[in-house]
Amino acid sequence: MPLFKKKKTEEKKDLQASSIEKENGDGTGISIKVLGTGCGSCHALVENVKKAVEQKGLDVEVEFITDMKIAMQYGAMAMPALVVNGKLVSAGRIYKPSQIIELLDKFCLLDQH
């Protein structure tokens, strides 16, 4: 019986992954999302991400998502969380704009644009 349970779990993960991919659109460009509850810390991270994007001269929309079901699909267990191109890159921290730029550069996301 454990094999059947494992298969259902894998199917559920695939379903969640596909729903996340649909949110990201066609996969071109950079997708940046801040996940949070709407608290002051979450809003601070959103503003800092927008400043970082502006400083780099990128034309990228920063989405702020407060739906906890979506946050859980990304695996975010602490808020605010930062998702770039569908991947959770930070949770539970408020980064300064300069730190966000470093974080994105570390993941080789801004070097391409």
Protein backbone atom coordinates (compact mmCIF):
# COMPACT_ATOMS: atom_id res chain seq x y z
CA MET A 1 0.00 0.00 0.00
CA PRO A 2 2.78 2.54 0.62
CA LEU A 3 3.54 2.59 -3.09
CA PHE A 4 0.07 3.93 -3.85
CA LYS A 5 0.37 6.67 -1.26
CA LYS A 6 3.74 7.70 -2.63
CA LYS A 7 2.36 7.89 -6.14
CA LYS A 8 -0.53 10.10 -5.05
CA THR A 9 1.91 12.39 -3.23
CA GLU A 10 4.08 12.67 -6.34
CA GLU A 11 1.01 13.46 -8.45
CA LYS A 12 0.01 16.17 -5.98
CA LYS A 13 3.49 17.75 -6.18
CA ASP A 14 3.35 17.68 -9.98
CA LEU A 15 -0.07 19.36 -9.89
CA GLN A 16 1.24 22.06 -7.55
CA ALA A 17 4.29 22.64 -9.73
CA SER A 18 2.16 22.99 -12.85
CA SER A 19 -0.13 25.50 -11.14
CA ILE A 20 2.92 27.54 -10.11
CA GLU A 21 4.27 27.44 -13.67
CA LYS A 22 0.94 28.72 -14.98
CA GLU A 23 1.24 31.71 -12.66
CA ASN A 24 4.67 32.52 -14.09
CA GLY A 25 3.32 32.84 -17.62
CA ASP A 26 5.30 31.55 -20.56
CA GLY A 27 8.62 31.39 -18.72
CA THR A 28 10.32 34.27 -20.55
CA GLY A 29 11.97 37.08 -18.64
CA ILE A 30 12.17 37.43 -14.89
CA SER A 31 9.24 36.79 -12.59
CA ILE A 32 9.51 38.22 -9.07
CA LYS A 33 6.96 37.59 -6.33
CA VAL A 34 6.90 38.59 -2.69
CA LEU A 35 4.77 36.29 -0.57
CA GLY A 36 3.40 37.55 2.72
CA THR A 37 0.53 38.21 5.04
CA GLY A 38 0.30 41.92 4.37
CA CYS A 39 2.25 42.99 7.46
CA GLY A 40 4.73 45.85 7.58
CA SER A 41 7.69 43.54 7.02
CA CYS A 42 6.12 42.14 3.87
CA HIS A 43 5.42 45.62 2.49
CA ALA A 44 9.00 46.66 3.32
CA LEU A 45 10.37 43.75 1.29
CA VAL A 46 8.08 44.60 -1.65
CA GLU A 47 9.34 48.19 -1.66
CA ASN A 48 12.98 47.10 -1.39
CA VAL A 49 12.56 44.63 -4.27
CA LYS A 50 11.00 47.38 -6.40
CA LYS A 51 13.94 49.67 -5.59
CA ALA A 52 16.42 46.94 -6.51
CA VAL A 53 14.66 46.31 -9.83
CA GLU A 54 14.63 50.05 -10.55
CA GLN A 55 18.33 50.40 -9.67
CA LYS A 56 19.17 47.63 -12.14
CA GLY A 57 17.03 49.31 -14.81
CA LEU A 58 14.85 46.26 -15.33
CA ASP A 59 11.31 46.32 -16.63
CA VAL A 60 9.96 43.69 -14.24
CA GLU A 61 6.68 43.69 -12.34
CA VAL A 62 6.98 42.75 -8.68
CA GLU A 63 3.91 40.83 -7.54
CA PHE A 64 2.78 40.86 -3.93
CA ILE A 65 0.83 37.70 -3.08
CA THR A 66 -1.04 37.41 0.21
CA ASP A 67 -2.80 34.11 -0.52
CA MET A 68 -1.26 31.65 1.93
CA LYS A 69 -2.30 28.66 -0.18
CA ILE A 70 -0.06 29.93 -2.96
CA ALA A 71 2.73 30.66 -0.47
CA MET A 72 2.56 27.08 0.79
CA GLN A 73 2.79 25.77 -2.78
CA TYR A 74 6.17 27.46 -3.03
CA GLY A 75 7.20 25.89 0.27
CA ALA A 76 7.42 29.21 2.12
CA MET A 77 7.16 28.53 5.84
CA ALA A 78 8.24 32.00 7.01
CA MET A 79 7.12 35.38 5.73
CA PRO A 80 7.98 37.51 3.89
CA ALA A 81 9.29 35.23 1.18
CA LEU A 82 10.90 36.05 -2.14
CA VAL A 83 10.24 33.96 -5.25
CA VAL A 84 12.21 34.49 -8.45
CA ASN A 85 11.27 32.65 -11.63
CA GLY A 86 9.14 30.22 -9.64
CA LYS A 87 11.89 29.35 -7.15
CA LEU A 88 11.80 30.25 -3.47
CA VAL A 89 15.07 32.11 -2.82
CA SER A 90 14.41 33.66 0.59
CA ALA A 91 12.01 33.31 3.50
CA GLY A 92 11.69 35.19 6.78
CA ARG A 93 14.10 38.04 5.96
CA ILE A 94 13.78 41.65 4.90
CA TYR A 95 16.61 42.45 2.54
CA LYS A 96 17.90 45.92 1.64
CA PRO A 97 17.84 46.77 -2.09
CA SER A 98 21.61 46.23 -2.36
CA GLN A 99 21.26 42.79 -0.75
CA ILE A 100 18.45 41.90 -3.14
CA ILE A 101 20.64 42.82 -6.11
CA GLU A 102 23.42 40.62 -4.72
CA LEU A 103 20.98 37.79 -4.12
CA LEU A 104 19.63 37.94 -7.67
CA ASP A 105 23.14 38.22 -9.11
CA LYS A 106 24.17 35.19 -7.05
CA PHE A 107 21.44 33.19 -8.75
CA CYS A 108 22.65 34.48 -12.16
CA LEU A 109 19.30 36.01 -12.94
CA LEU A 110 20.22 39.62 -13.63
CA ASP A 111 23.39 38.85 -15.58
CA GLN A 112 21.23 37.67 -18.48
CA HIS A 113 19.41 41.02 -18.83
